[in-house]
Every structure is written in structure tokens, then in C-alpha cells.
């Protein structure tokens, strides 16, 4: 992605966010606001999941490796079990480091 297209994407996202906030102020309790809220919540989850999946699977344009996938999976599992953040981070890093030490990249 070129620098120009990155800047344009950030500006488009900023404009869309501003428009949504401004629309929420003007259309507070209207049917349009309720429809936007109903569609907005799942859209945020899908967007975050897509970014997380891309960051997990790819390092630039190359496959990130099995160690990173195992580390992220470990972190997701511990987070789902509501483990403390320190435990999640240390365990995920430990799994990834152990696999890399064993030659699994």
C-alpha cells in the first residue's frame, strides 16, 4: 500500500467516524440511529477480528509462521478464560519463543 493510499484511507475513516458521531447527535432517538447502532456493533467486531487475523497470519506479505499463530491462540484461550493480562502476555510469548527455539517458525 502506497503512502498516498494509506493517508486517503485514514482520512476516509476519520471522515466516516466524524459523520457517524455527528449523525448520532442530530438523530439521537430516531429509527435511523437505532438501525445504525444495530449494524454498527457487529461491524466493529468484524473489523477488529479482520485486523487481528491479518496481523496474526502475515508479516508484511509473507506468512508469519506457526509460532506466532500458536502464541496468539494461547493468548486468545487464556483471555477467554479471563486470565490476568500479565499471564496472557507471558504465556503467549513463552509459547512462541519455545516453538521458535525448537525450530518451528
PDB file of N, CA and C in Angstrom:
ATOM      1  N   UNK A   1       0.848  -1.167   0.000  1.00  0.00           N
ATOM      2  CA  UNK A   1       0.000   0.000   0.000  1.00  0.00           C
ATOM      3  C   UNK A   1       0.894   1.230   0.000  1.00  0.00           C
ATOM      4  N   UNK A   2       0.639   2.138  -0.911  1.00  0.00           N
ATOM      5  CA  UNK A   2       1.473   3.335  -1.002  1.00  0.00           C
ATOM      6  C   UNK A   2       1.113   4.316   0.115  1.00  0.00           C
ATOM      7  N   UNK A   3       1.993   5.283   0.326  1.00  0.00           N
ATOM      8  CA  UNK A   3       1.763   6.277   1.374  1.00  0.00           C
ATOM      9  C   UNK A   3       0.516   7.105   1.097  1.00  0.00           C
ATOM     10  N   UNK A   4       0.298   7.434  -0.158  1.00  0.00           N
ATOM     11  CA  UNK A   4      -0.859   8.250  -0.530  1.00  0.00           C
ATOM     12  C   UNK A   4      -2.154   7.500  -0.240  1.00  0.00           C
ATOM     13  N   UNK A   5      -2.220   6.236  -0.625  1.00  0.00           N
ATOM     14  CA  UNK A   5      -3.457   5.482  -0.399  1.00  0.00           C
ATOM     15  C   UNK A   5      -3.674   5.238   1.097  1.00  0.00           C
ATOM     16  N   UNK A   6      -2.596   5.106   1.866  1.00  0.00           N
ATOM     17  CA  UNK A   6      -2.742   4.952   3.311  1.00  0.00           C
ATOM     18  C   UNK A   6      -3.314   6.217   3.930  1.00  0.00           C
ATOM     19  N   UNK A   7      -2.805   7.359   3.528  1.00  0.00           N
ATOM     20  CA  UNK A   7      -3.308   8.627   4.042  1.00  0.00           C
ATOM     21  C   UNK A   7      -4.763   8.815   3.637  1.00  0.00           C
ATOM     22  N   UNK A   8      -5.114   8.481   2.402  1.00  0.00           N
ATOM     23  CA  UNK A   8      -6.505   8.602   1.959  1.00  0.00           C
ATOM     24  C   UNK A   8      -7.426   7.666   2.740  1.00  0.00           C
ATOM     25  N   UNK A   9      -6.959   6.460   3.033  1.00  0.00           N
ATOM     26  CA  UNK A   9      -7.776   5.530   3.817  1.00  0.00           C
ATOM     27  C   UNK A   9      -7.999   6.056   5.229  1.00  0.00           C
ATOM     28  N   UNK A  10      -6.960   6.612   5.839  1.00  0.00           N
ATOM     29  CA  UNK A  10      -7.094   7.172   7.190  1.00  0.00           C
ATOM     30  C   UNK A  10      -8.040   8.367   7.171  1.00  0.00           C
ATOM     31  N   UNK A  11      -7.934   9.221   6.176  1.00  0.00           N
ATOM     32  CA  UNK A  11      -8.835  10.371   6.071  1.00  0.00           C
ATOM     33  C   UNK A  11     -10.279   9.937   5.856  1.00  0.00           C
ATOM     34  N   UNK A  12     -10.486   8.915   5.030  1.00  0.00           N
ATOM     35  CA  UNK A  12     -11.848   8.410   4.802  1.00  0.00           C
ATOM     36  C   UNK A  12     -12.430   7.825   6.087  1.00  0.00           C
ATOM     37  N   UNK A  13     -11.629   7.088   6.827  1.00  0.00           N
ATOM     38  CA  UNK A  13     -12.091   6.522   8.088  1.00  0.00           C
ATOM     39  C   UNK A  13     -12.398   7.625   9.097  1.00  0.00           C
ATOM     40  N   UNK A  14     -11.553   8.648   9.147  1.00  0.00           N
ATOM     41  CA  UNK A  14     -11.789   9.768  10.054  1.00  0.00           C
ATOM     42  C   UNK A  14     -13.070  10.511   9.680  1.00  0.00           C
ATOM     43  N   UNK A  15     -13.281  10.733   8.396  1.00  0.00           N
ATOM     44  CA  UNK A  15     -14.493  11.426   7.953  1.00  0.00           C
ATOM     45  C   UNK A  15     -15.735  10.599   8.265  1.00  0.00           C
ATOM     46  N   UNK A  16     -15.653   9.302   8.046  1.00  0.00           N
ATOM     47  CA  UNK A  16     -16.792   8.430   8.360  1.00  0.00           C
ATOM     48  C   UNK A  16     -17.094   8.404   9.848  1.00  0.00           C
ATOM     49  N   UNK A  17     -16.057   8.369  10.672  1.00  0.00           N
ATOM     50  CA  UNK A  17     -16.247   8.385  12.119  1.00  0.00           C
ATOM     51  C   UNK A  17     -16.872   9.698  12.566  1.00  0.00           C
ATOM     52  N   UNK A  18     -16.375  10.790  12.029  1.00  0.00           N
ATOM     53  CA  UNK A  18     -16.930  12.099  12.375  1.00  0.00           C
ATOM     54  C   UNK A  18     -18.388  12.204  11.943  1.00  0.00           C
ATOM     55  N   UNK A  19     -18.697  11.721  10.749  1.00  0.00           N
ATOM     56  CA  UNK A  19     -20.080  11.767  10.258  1.00  0.00           C
ATOM     57  C   UNK A  19     -20.997  10.918  11.132  1.00  0.00           C
ATOM     58  N   UNK A  20     -20.523   9.750  11.561  1.00  0.00           N
ATOM     59  CA  UNK A  20     -21.339   8.899  12.424  1.00  0.00           C
ATOM     60  C   UNK A  20     -21.584   9.566  13.772  1.00  0.00           C
ATOM     61  N   UNK A  21     -20.556  10.197  14.325  1.00  0.00           N
ATOM     62  CA  UNK A  21     -20.724  10.894  15.606  1.00  0.00           C
ATOM     63  C   UNK A  21     -21.677  12.075  15.457  1.00  0.00           C
ATOM     64  N   UNK A  22     -21.504  12.834  14.391  1.00  0.00           N
ATOM     65  CA  UNK A  22     -22.365  13.988  14.157  1.00  0.00           C
ATOM     66  C   UNK A  22     -23.802  13.539  13.916  1.00  0.00           C
ATOM     67  N   UNK A  23     -23.971  12.461  13.171  1.00  0.00           N
ATOM     68  CA  UNK A  23     -25.316  11.927  12.932  1.00  0.00           C
ATOM     69  C   UNK A  23     -25.967  11.441  14.206  1.00  0.00           C
ATOM     70  N   UNK A  24     -25.175  10.858  15.108  1.00  0.00           N
ATOM     71  CA  UNK A  24     -25.721  10.396  16.379  1.00  0.00           C
ATOM     72  C   UNK A  24     -26.233  11.537  17.232  1.00  0.00           C
ATOM     73  N   UNK A  25     -25.580  12.693  17.146  1.00  0.00           N
ATOM     74  CA  UNK A  25     -26.019  13.866  17.900  1.00  0.00           C
ATOM     75  C   UNK A  25     -27.329  14.393  17.340  1.00  0.00           C
ATOM     76  N   UNK A  26     -27.447  14.437  16.020  1.00  0.00           N
ATOM     77  CA  UNK A  26     -28.640  15.020  15.393  1.00  0.00           C
ATOM     78  C   UNK A  26     -29.824  14.059  15.363  1.00  0.00           C
ATOM     79  N   UNK A  27     -29.555  12.762  15.261  1.00  0.00           N
ATOM     80  CA  UNK A  27     -30.637  11.793  15.122  1.00  0.00           C
ATOM     81  C   UNK A  27     -30.735  10.874  16.344  1.00  0.00           C
ATOM     82  N   UNK A  28     -30.412  11.381  17.521  1.00  0.00           N
ATOM     83  CA  UNK A  28     -30.313  10.610  18.748  1.00  0.00           C
ATOM     84  C   UNK A  28     -31.265   9.452  18.921  1.00  0.00           C
ATOM     85  N   UNK A  29     -32.569   9.673  18.971  1.00  0.00           N
ATOM     86  CA  UNK A  29     -33.507   8.592  19.253  1.00  0.00           C
ATOM     87  C   UNK A  29     -34.300   8.148  18.039  1.00  0.00           C
ATOM     88  N   UNK A  30     -33.879   8.519  16.868  1.00  0.00           N
ATOM     89  CA  UNK A  30     -34.659   8.196  15.679  1.00  0.00           C
ATOM     90  C   UNK A  30     -34.466   6.752  15.255  1.00  0.00           C
ATOM     91  N   UNK A  31     -35.304   6.320  14.318  1.00  0.00           N
ATOM     92  CA  UNK A  31     -35.214   4.964  13.791  1.00  0.00           C
ATOM     93  C   UNK A  31     -33.889   4.761  13.043  1.00  0.00           C
ATOM     94  N   UNK A  32     -33.405   5.807  12.394  1.00  0.00           N
ATOM     95  CA  UNK A  32     -32.126   5.714  11.681  1.00  0.00           C
ATOM     96  C   UNK A  32     -30.990   5.426  12.652  1.00  0.00           C
ATOM     97  N   UNK A  33     -31.013   6.089  13.803  1.00  0.00           N
ATOM     98  CA  UNK A  33     -29.975   5.876  14.806  1.00  0.00           C
ATOM     99  C   UNK A  33     -30.006   4.444  15.322  1.00  0.00           C
ATOM    100  N   UNK A  34     -31.186   3.909  15.541  1.00  0.00           N
ATOM    101  CA  UNK A  34     -31.299   2.533  16.022  1.00  0.00           C
ATOM    102  C   UNK A  34     -30.801   1.540  14.978  1.00  0.00           C
ATOM    103  N   UNK A  35     -31.075   1.796  13.701  1.00  0.00           N
ATOM    104  CA  UNK A  35     -30.579   0.920  12.627  1.00  0.00           C
ATOM    105  C   UNK A  35     -29.060   0.974  12.543  1.00  0.00           C
ATOM    106  N   UNK A  36     -28.501   2.172  12.625  1.00  0.00           N
ATOM    107  CA  UNK A  36     -27.044   2.310  12.583  1.00  0.00           C
ATOM    108  C   UNK A  36     -26.386   1.606  13.762  1.00  0.00           C
ATOM    109  N   UNK A  37     -26.999   1.712  14.939  1.00  0.00           N
ATOM    110  CA  UNK A  37     -26.437   1.058  16.111  1.00  0.00           C
ATOM    111  C   UNK A  37     -26.515  -0.463  15.966  1.00  0.00           C
ATOM    112  N   UNK A  38     -27.615  -0.965  15.420  1.00  0.00           N
ATOM    113  CA  UNK A  38     -27.783  -2.404  15.244  1.00  0.00           C
ATOM    114  C   UNK A  38     -26.739  -2.966  14.277  1.00  0.00           C
ATOM    115  N   UNK A  39     -26.410  -2.212  13.236  1.00  0.00           N
ATOM    116  CA  UNK A  39     -25.414  -2.674  12.256  1.00  0.00           C
ATOM    117  C   UNK A  39     -23.993  -2.300  12.648  1.00  0.00           C
ATOM    118  N   UNK A  40     -23.837  -1.259  13.459  1.00  0.00           N
ATOM    119  CA  UNK A  40     -22.502  -0.776  13.807  1.00  0.00           C
ATOM    120  C   UNK A  40     -21.740  -1.679  14.748  1.00  0.00           C
ATOM    121  N   UNK A  41     -22.411  -2.227  15.745  1.00  0.00           N
ATOM    122  CA  UNK A  41     -21.723  -3.076  16.721  1.00  0.00           C
ATOM    123  C   UNK A  41     -21.094  -4.308  16.082  1.00  0.00           C
ATOM    124  N   UNK A  42     -21.827  -5.083  15.283  1.00  0.00           N
ATOM    125  CA  UNK A  42     -21.179  -6.233  14.631  1.00  0.00           C
ATOM    126  C   UNK A  42     -20.092  -5.816  13.642  1.00  0.00           C
ATOM    127  N   UNK A  43     -20.245  -4.666  13.014  1.00  0.00           N
ATOM    128  CA  UNK A  43     -19.243  -4.204  12.055  1.00  0.00           C
ATOM    129  C   UNK A  43     -17.913  -3.934  12.747  1.00  0.00           C
ATOM    130  N   UNK A  44     -17.960  -3.389  13.939  1.00  0.00           N
ATOM    131  CA  UNK A  44     -16.731  -3.123  14.697  1.00  0.00           C
ATOM    132  C   UNK A  44     -16.049  -4.443  15.050  1.00  0.00           C
ATOM    133  N   UNK A  45     -16.825  -5.421  15.475  1.00  0.00           N
ATOM    134  CA  UNK A  45     -16.259  -6.722  15.834  1.00  0.00           C
ATOM    135  C   UNK A  45     -15.603  -7.372  14.623  1.00  0.00           C
ATOM    136  N   UNK A  46     -16.265  -7.312  13.482  1.00  0.00           N
ATOM    137  CA  UNK A  46     -15.707  -7.903  12.261  1.00  0.00           C
ATOM    138  C   UNK A  46     -14.428  -7.181  11.850  1.00  0.00           C
ATOM    139  N   UNK A  47     -14.405  -5.865  11.963  1.00  0.00           N
ATOM    140  CA  UNK A  47     -13.225  -5.087  11.609  1.00  0.00           C
ATOM    141  C   UNK A  47     -12.034  -5.439  12.503  1.00  0.00           C
ATOM    142  N   UNK A  48     -12.267  -5.510  13.807  1.00  0.00           N
ATOM    143  CA  UNK A  48     -11.183  -5.852  14.728  1.00  0.00           C
ATOM    144  C   UNK A  48     -10.709  -7.282  14.496  1.00  0.00           C
ATOM    145  N   UNK A  49     -11.639  -8.209  14.267  1.00  0.00           N
ATOM    146  CA  UNK A  49     -11.250  -9.601  14.003  1.00  0.00           C
ATOM    147  C   UNK A  49     -10.427  -9.706  12.721  1.00  0.00           C
ATOM    148  N   UNK A  50     -10.784  -8.937  11.703  1.00  0.00           N
ATOM    149  CA  UNK A  50     -10.023  -8.951  10.452  1.00  0.00           C
ATOM    150  C   UNK A  50      -8.609  -8.428  10.624  1.00  0.00           C
ATOM    151  N   UNK A  51      -8.476  -7.353  11.381  1.00  0.00           N
ATOM    152  CA  UNK A  51      -7.146  -6.799  11.637  1.00  0.00           C
ATOM    153  C   UNK A  51      -6.313  -7.781  12.464  1.00  0.00           C
ATOM    154  N   UNK A  52      -6.931  -8.383  13.471  1.00  0.00           N
ATOM    155  CA  UNK A  52      -6.214  -9.354  14.304  1.00  0.00           C
ATOM    156  C   UNK A  52      -5.781 -10.572  13.488  1.00  0.00           C
ATOM    157  N   UNK A  53      -6.654 -11.065  12.621  1.00  0.00           N
ATOM    158  CA  UNK A  53      -6.304 -12.224  11.796  1.00  0.00           C
ATOM    159  C   UNK A  53      -5.174 -11.898  10.828  1.00  0.00           C
ATOM    160  N   UNK A  54      -5.229 -10.727  10.232  1.00  0.00           N
ATOM    161  CA  UNK A  54      -4.175 -10.322   9.302  1.00  0.00           C
ATOM    162  C   UNK A  54      -2.836 -10.176  10.021  1.00  0.00           C
ATOM    163  N   UNK A  55      -2.859  -9.556  11.197  1.00  0.00           N
ATOM    164  CA  UNK A  55      -1.616  -9.376  11.961  1.00  0.00           C
ATOM    165  C   UNK A  55      -1.073 -10.712  12.459  1.00  0.00           C
ATOM    166  N   UNK A  56      -1.967 -11.663  12.705  1.00  0.00           N
ATOM    167  CA  UNK A  56      -1.533 -12.978  13.178  1.00  0.00           C
ATOM    168  C   UNK A  56      -0.911 -13.795  12.058  1.00  0.00           C
ATOM    169  N   UNK A  57      -1.516 -13.775  10.900  1.00  0.00           N
ATOM    170  CA  UNK A  57      -1.116 -14.664   9.815  1.00  0.00           C
ATOM    171  C   UNK A  57       0.004 -14.134   8.936  1.00  0.00           C
ATOM    172  N   UNK A  58       0.154 -12.812   8.861  1.00  0.00           N
ATOM    173  CA  UNK A  58       1.114 -12.250   7.917  1.00  0.00           C
ATOM    174  C   UNK A  58       2.119 -11.337   8.597  1.00  0.00           C
ATOM    175  N   UNK A  59       3.349 -11.396   8.096  1.00  0.00           N
ATOM    176  CA  UNK A  59       4.402 -10.467   8.480  1.00  0.00           C
ATOM    177  C   UNK A  59       4.808  -9.775   7.191  1.00  0.00           C
ATOM    178  N   UNK A  60       4.270  -8.594   6.953  1.00  0.00           N
ATOM    179  CA  UNK A  60       4.413  -7.960   5.637  1.00  0.00           C
ATOM    180  C   UNK A  60       3.526  -8.710   4.668  1.00  0.00           C
ATOM    181  N   UNK A  61       4.144  -9.272   3.630  1.00  0.00           N
ATOM    182  CA  UNK A  61       3.381 -10.068   2.669  1.00  0.00           C
ATOM    183  C   UNK A  61       3.689 -11.548   2.777  1.00  0.00           C
ATOM    184  N   UNK A  62       4.492 -11.918   3.755  1.00  0.00           N
ATOM    185  CA  UNK A  62       4.876 -13.322   3.934  1.00  0.00           C
ATOM    186  C   UNK A  62       4.107 -13.928   5.107  1.00  0.00           C
ATOM    187  N   UNK A  63       4.008 -15.241   5.085  1.00  0.00           N
ATOM    188  CA  UNK A  63       3.366 -15.978   6.169  1.00  0.00           C
ATOM    189  C   UNK A  63       4.165 -15.765   7.450  1.00  0.00           C
ATOM    190  N   UNK A  64       3.492 -15.462   8.544  1.00  0.00           N
ATOM    191  CA  UNK A  64       4.166 -15.140   9.802  1.00  0.00           C
ATOM    192  C   UNK A  64       4.750 -16.361  10.492  1.00  0.00           C
ATOM    193  N   UNK A  65       4.214 -17.507  10.253  1.00  0.00           N
ATOM    194  CA  UNK A  65       4.749 -18.722  10.856  1.00  0.00           C
ATOM    195  C   UNK A  65       3.842 -19.299  11.921  1.00  0.00           C
ATOM    196  N   UNK A  66       4.094 -20.577  12.205  1.00  0.00           N
ATOM    197  CA  UNK A  66       3.247 -21.313  13.138  1.00  0.00           C
ATOM    198  C   UNK A  66       3.468 -20.883  14.577  1.00  0.00           C
ATOM    199  N   UNK A  67       4.646 -20.396  14.910  1.00  0.00           N
ATOM    200  CA  UNK A  67       4.915 -19.973  16.285  1.00  0.00           C
ATOM    201  C   UNK A  67       4.031 -18.789  16.666  1.00  0.00           C
ATOM    202  N   UNK A  68       3.877 -17.833  15.764  1.00  0.00           N
ATOM    203  CA  UNK A  68       3.025 -16.677  16.056  1.00  0.00           C
ATOM    204  C   UNK A  68       1.575 -17.108  16.196  1.00  0.00           C
ATOM    205  N   UNK A  69       1.129 -17.995  15.323  1.00  0.00           N
ATOM    206  CA  UNK A  69      -0.258 -18.466  15.398  1.00  0.00           C
ATOM    207  C   UNK A  69      -0.498 -19.181  16.730  1.00  0.00           C
ATOM    208  N   UNK A  70       0.455 -20.008  17.156  1.00  0.00           N
ATOM    209  CA  UNK A  70       0.315 -20.706  18.439  1.00  0.00           C
ATOM    210  C   UNK A  70       0.301 -19.719  19.602  1.00  0.00           C
ATOM    211  N   UNK A  71       1.129 -18.686  19.538  1.00  0.00           N
ATOM    212  CA  UNK A  71       1.147 -17.676  20.592  1.00  0.00           C
ATOM    213  C   UNK A  71      -0.159 -16.910  20.681  1.00  0.00           C
ATOM    214  N   UNK A  72      -0.686 -16.505  19.539  1.00  0.00           N
ATOM    215  CA  UNK A  72      -1.958 -15.769  19.528  1.00  0.00           C
ATOM    216  C   UNK A  72      -3.103 -16.670  19.987  1.00  0.00           C
ATOM    217  N   UNK A  73      -3.075 -17.923  19.583  1.00  0.00           N
ATOM    218  CA  UNK A  73      -4.115 -18.862  20.020  1.00  0.00           C
ATOM    219  C   UNK A  73      -4.050 -19.065  21.533  1.00  0.00           C
ATOM    220  N   UNK A  74      -2.852 -19.181  22.064  1.00  0.00           N
ATOM    221  CA  UNK A  74      -2.677 -19.289  23.517  1.00  0.00           C
ATOM    222  C   UNK A  74      -3.233 -18.061  24.220  1.00  0.00           C
ATOM    223  N   UNK A  75      -2.903 -16.891  23.691  1.00  0.00           N
ATOM    224  CA  UNK A  75      -3.395 -15.648  24.289  1.00  0.00           C
ATOM    225  C   UNK A  75      -4.921 -15.573  24.232  1.00  0.00           C
ATOM    226  N   UNK A  76      -5.500 -15.955  23.104  1.00  0.00           N
ATOM    227  CA  UNK A  76      -6.961 -15.909  22.970  1.00  0.00           C
ATOM    228  C   UNK A  76      -7.632 -16.867  23.949  1.00  0.00           C
ATOM    229  N   UNK A  77      -7.061 -18.054  24.096  1.00  0.00           N
ATOM    230  CA  UNK A  77      -7.642 -19.021  25.024  1.00  0.00           C
ATOM    231  C   UNK A  77      -7.576 -18.548  26.467  1.00  0.00           C
ATOM    232  N   UNK A  78      -6.428 -18.018  26.860  1.00  0.00           N
ATOM    233  CA  UNK A  78      -6.297 -17.517  28.228  1.00  0.00           C
ATOM    234  C   UNK A  78      -7.171 -16.286  28.474  1.00  0.00           C
ATOM    235  N   UNK A  79      -7.282 -15.431  27.474  1.00  0.00           N
ATOM    236  CA  UNK A  79      -8.150 -14.260  27.616  1.00  0.00           C
ATOM    237  C   UNK A  79      -9.613 -14.684  27.731  1.00  0.00           C
ATOM    238  N   UNK A  80      -9.999 -15.727  26.991  1.00  0.00           N
ATOM    239  CA  UNK A  80     -11.372 -16.229  27.087  1.00  0.00           C
ATOM    240  C   UNK A  80     -11.651 -16.802  28.474  1.00  0.00           C
ATOM    241  N   UNK A  81     -10.605 -17.334  29.114  1.00  0.00           N
ATOM    242  CA  UNK A  81     -10.759 -17.861  30.480  1.00  0.00           C
ATOM    243  C   UNK A  81     -10.580 -16.765  31.527  1.00  0.00           C
ATOM    244  N   UNK A  82     -10.438 -15.519  31.058  1.00  0.00           N
ATOM    245  CA  UNK A  82     -10.305 -14.334  31.919  1.00  0.00           C
ATOM    246  C   UNK A  82      -9.065 -14.380  32.813  1.00  0.00           C
ATOM    247  N   UNK A  83      -7.980 -14.845  32.251  1.00  0.00           N
ATOM    248  CA  UNK A  83      -6.705 -14.824  32.971  1.00  0.00           C
ATOM    249  C   UNK A  83      -6.200 -13.383  33.038  1.00  0.00           C
ATOM    250  N   UNK A  84      -5.396 -13.054  34.032  1.00  0.00           N
ATOM    251  CA  UNK A  84      -4.831 -11.699  34.104  1.00  0.00           C
ATOM    252  C   UNK A  84      -3.972 -11.400  32.863  1.00  0.00           C
ATOM    253  N   UNK A  85      -3.925 -10.129  32.501  1.00  0.00           N
ATOM    254  CA  UNK A  85      -3.226  -9.719  31.297  1.00  0.00           C
ATOM    255  C   UNK A  85      -1.758 -10.134  31.316  1.00  0.00           C
ATOM    256  N   UNK A  86      -1.115 -10.025  32.444  1.00  0.00           N
ATOM    257  CA  UNK A  86       0.297 -10.403  32.543  1.00  0.00           C
ATOM    258  C   UNK A  86       0.468 -11.882  32.219  1.00  0.00           C
ATOM    259  N   UNK A  87      -0.414 -12.710  32.714  1.00  0.00           N
ATOM    260  CA  UNK A  87      -0.350 -14.147  32.451  1.00  0.00           C
ATOM    261  C   UNK A  87      -0.553 -14.416  30.967  1.00  0.00           C
ATOM    262  N   UNK A  88      -1.512 -13.730  30.365  1.00  0.00           N
ATOM    263  CA  UNK A  88      -1.793 -13.912  28.936  1.00  0.00           C
ATOM    264  C   UNK A  88      -0.566 -13.569  28.104  1.00  0.00           C
ATOM    265  N   UNK A  89       0.027 -12.416  28.356  1.00  0.00           N
ATOM    266  CA  UNK A  89       1.173 -11.953  27.563  1.00  0.00           C
ATOM    267  C   UNK A  89       2.386 -12.859  27.756  1.00  0.00           C
ATOM    268  N   UNK A  90       2.691 -13.191  29.007  1.00  0.00           N
ATOM    269  CA  UNK A  90       3.871 -14.029  29.275  1.00  0.00           C
ATOM    270  C   UNK A  90       3.692 -15.432  28.695  1.00  0.00           C
ATOM    271  N   UNK A  91       2.507 -16.008  28.833  1.00  0.00           N
ATOM    272  CA  UNK A  91       2.269 -17.352  28.296  1.00  0.00           C
ATOM    273  C   UNK A  91       2.348 -17.359  26.773  1.00  0.00           C
ATOM    274  N   UNK A  92       1.739 -16.363  26.129  1.00  0.00           N
ATOM    275  CA  UNK A  92       1.778 -16.299  24.666  1.00  0.00           C
ATOM    276  C   UNK A  92       3.207 -16.120  24.162  1.00  0.00           C
ATOM    277  N   UNK A  93       3.951 -15.234  24.796  1.00  0.00           N
ATOM    278  CA  UNK A  93       5.344 -15.027  24.401  1.00  0.00           C
ATOM    279  C   UNK A  93       6.166 -16.281  24.658  1.00  0.00           C
ATOM    280  N   UNK A  94       5.903 -16.956  25.761  1.00  0.00           N
ATOM    281  CA  UNK A  94       6.627 -18.184  26.077  1.00  0.00           C
ATOM    282  C   UNK A  94       6.370 -19.287  25.067  1.00  0.00           C
ATOM    283  N   UNK A  95       5.122 -19.455  24.663  1.00  0.00           N
ATOM    284  CA  UNK A  95       4.788 -20.476  23.658  1.00  0.00           C
ATOM    285  C   UNK A  95       5.480 -20.161  22.338  1.00  0.00           C
ATOM    286  N   UNK A  96       5.382 -18.918  21.897  1.00  0.00           N
ATOM    287  CA  UNK A  96       6.010 -18.540  20.625  1.00  0.00           C
ATOM    288  C   UNK A  96       7.533 -18.702  20.695  1.00  0.00           C
ATOM    289  N   UNK A  97       8.132 -18.268  21.791  1.00  0.00           N
ATOM    290  CA  UNK A  97       9.589 -18.374  21.926  1.00  0.00           C
ATOM    291  C   UNK A  97      10.046 -19.825  21.986  1.00  0.00           C
ATOM    292  N   UNK A  98       9.293 -20.654  22.687  1.00  0.00           N
ATOM    293  CA  UNK A  98       9.647 -22.071  22.774  1.00  0.00           C
ATOM    294  C   UNK A  98       9.586 -22.736  21.398  1.00  0.00           C
ATOM    295  N   UNK A  99       8.531 -22.458  20.673  1.00  0.00           N
ATOM    296  CA  UNK A  99       8.414 -23.044  19.333  1.00  0.00           C
ATOM    297  C   UNK A  99       9.525 -22.556  18.413  1.00  0.00           C
ATOM    298  N   UNK A 100       9.865 -21.294  18.496  1.00  0.00           N
ATOM    299  CA  UNK A 100      10.949 -20.769  17.655  1.00  0.00           C
ATOM    300  C   UNK A 100      12.290 -21.379  18.050  1.00  0.00           C
ATOM    301  N   UNK A 101      12.488 -21.605  19.343  1.00  0.00           N
ATOM    302  CA  UNK A 101      13.721 -22.246  19.798  1.00  0.00           C
ATOM    303  C   UNK A 101      13.812 -23.673  19.262  1.00  0.00           C
ATOM    304  N   UNK A 102      12.676 -24.350  19.170  1.00  0.00           N
ATOM    305  CA  UNK A 102      12.641 -25.717  18.645  1.00  0.00           C
ATOM    306  C   UNK A 102      12.738 -25.769  17.123  1.00  0.00           C
ATOM    307  N   UNK A 103      12.784 -24.592  16.493  1.00  0.00           N
ATOM    308  CA  UNK A 103      12.926 -24.543  15.046  1.00  0.00           C
ATOM    309  C   UNK A 103      11.619 -24.448  14.290  1.00  0.00           C
ATOM    310  N   UNK A 104      10.526 -24.304  14.996  1.00  0.00           N
ATOM    311  CA  UNK A 104       9.216 -24.138  14.340  1.00  0.00           C
ATOM    312  C   UNK A 104       8.953 -22.660  14.202  1.00  0.00           C
ATOM    313  N   UNK A 105       9.036 -22.174  12.984  1.00  0.00           N
ATOM    314  CA  UNK A 105       8.837 -20.743  12.758  1.00  0.00           C
ATOM    315  C   UNK A 105       7.549 -20.548  12.096  1.00  0.00           C
TER     316      UNK A 105
END
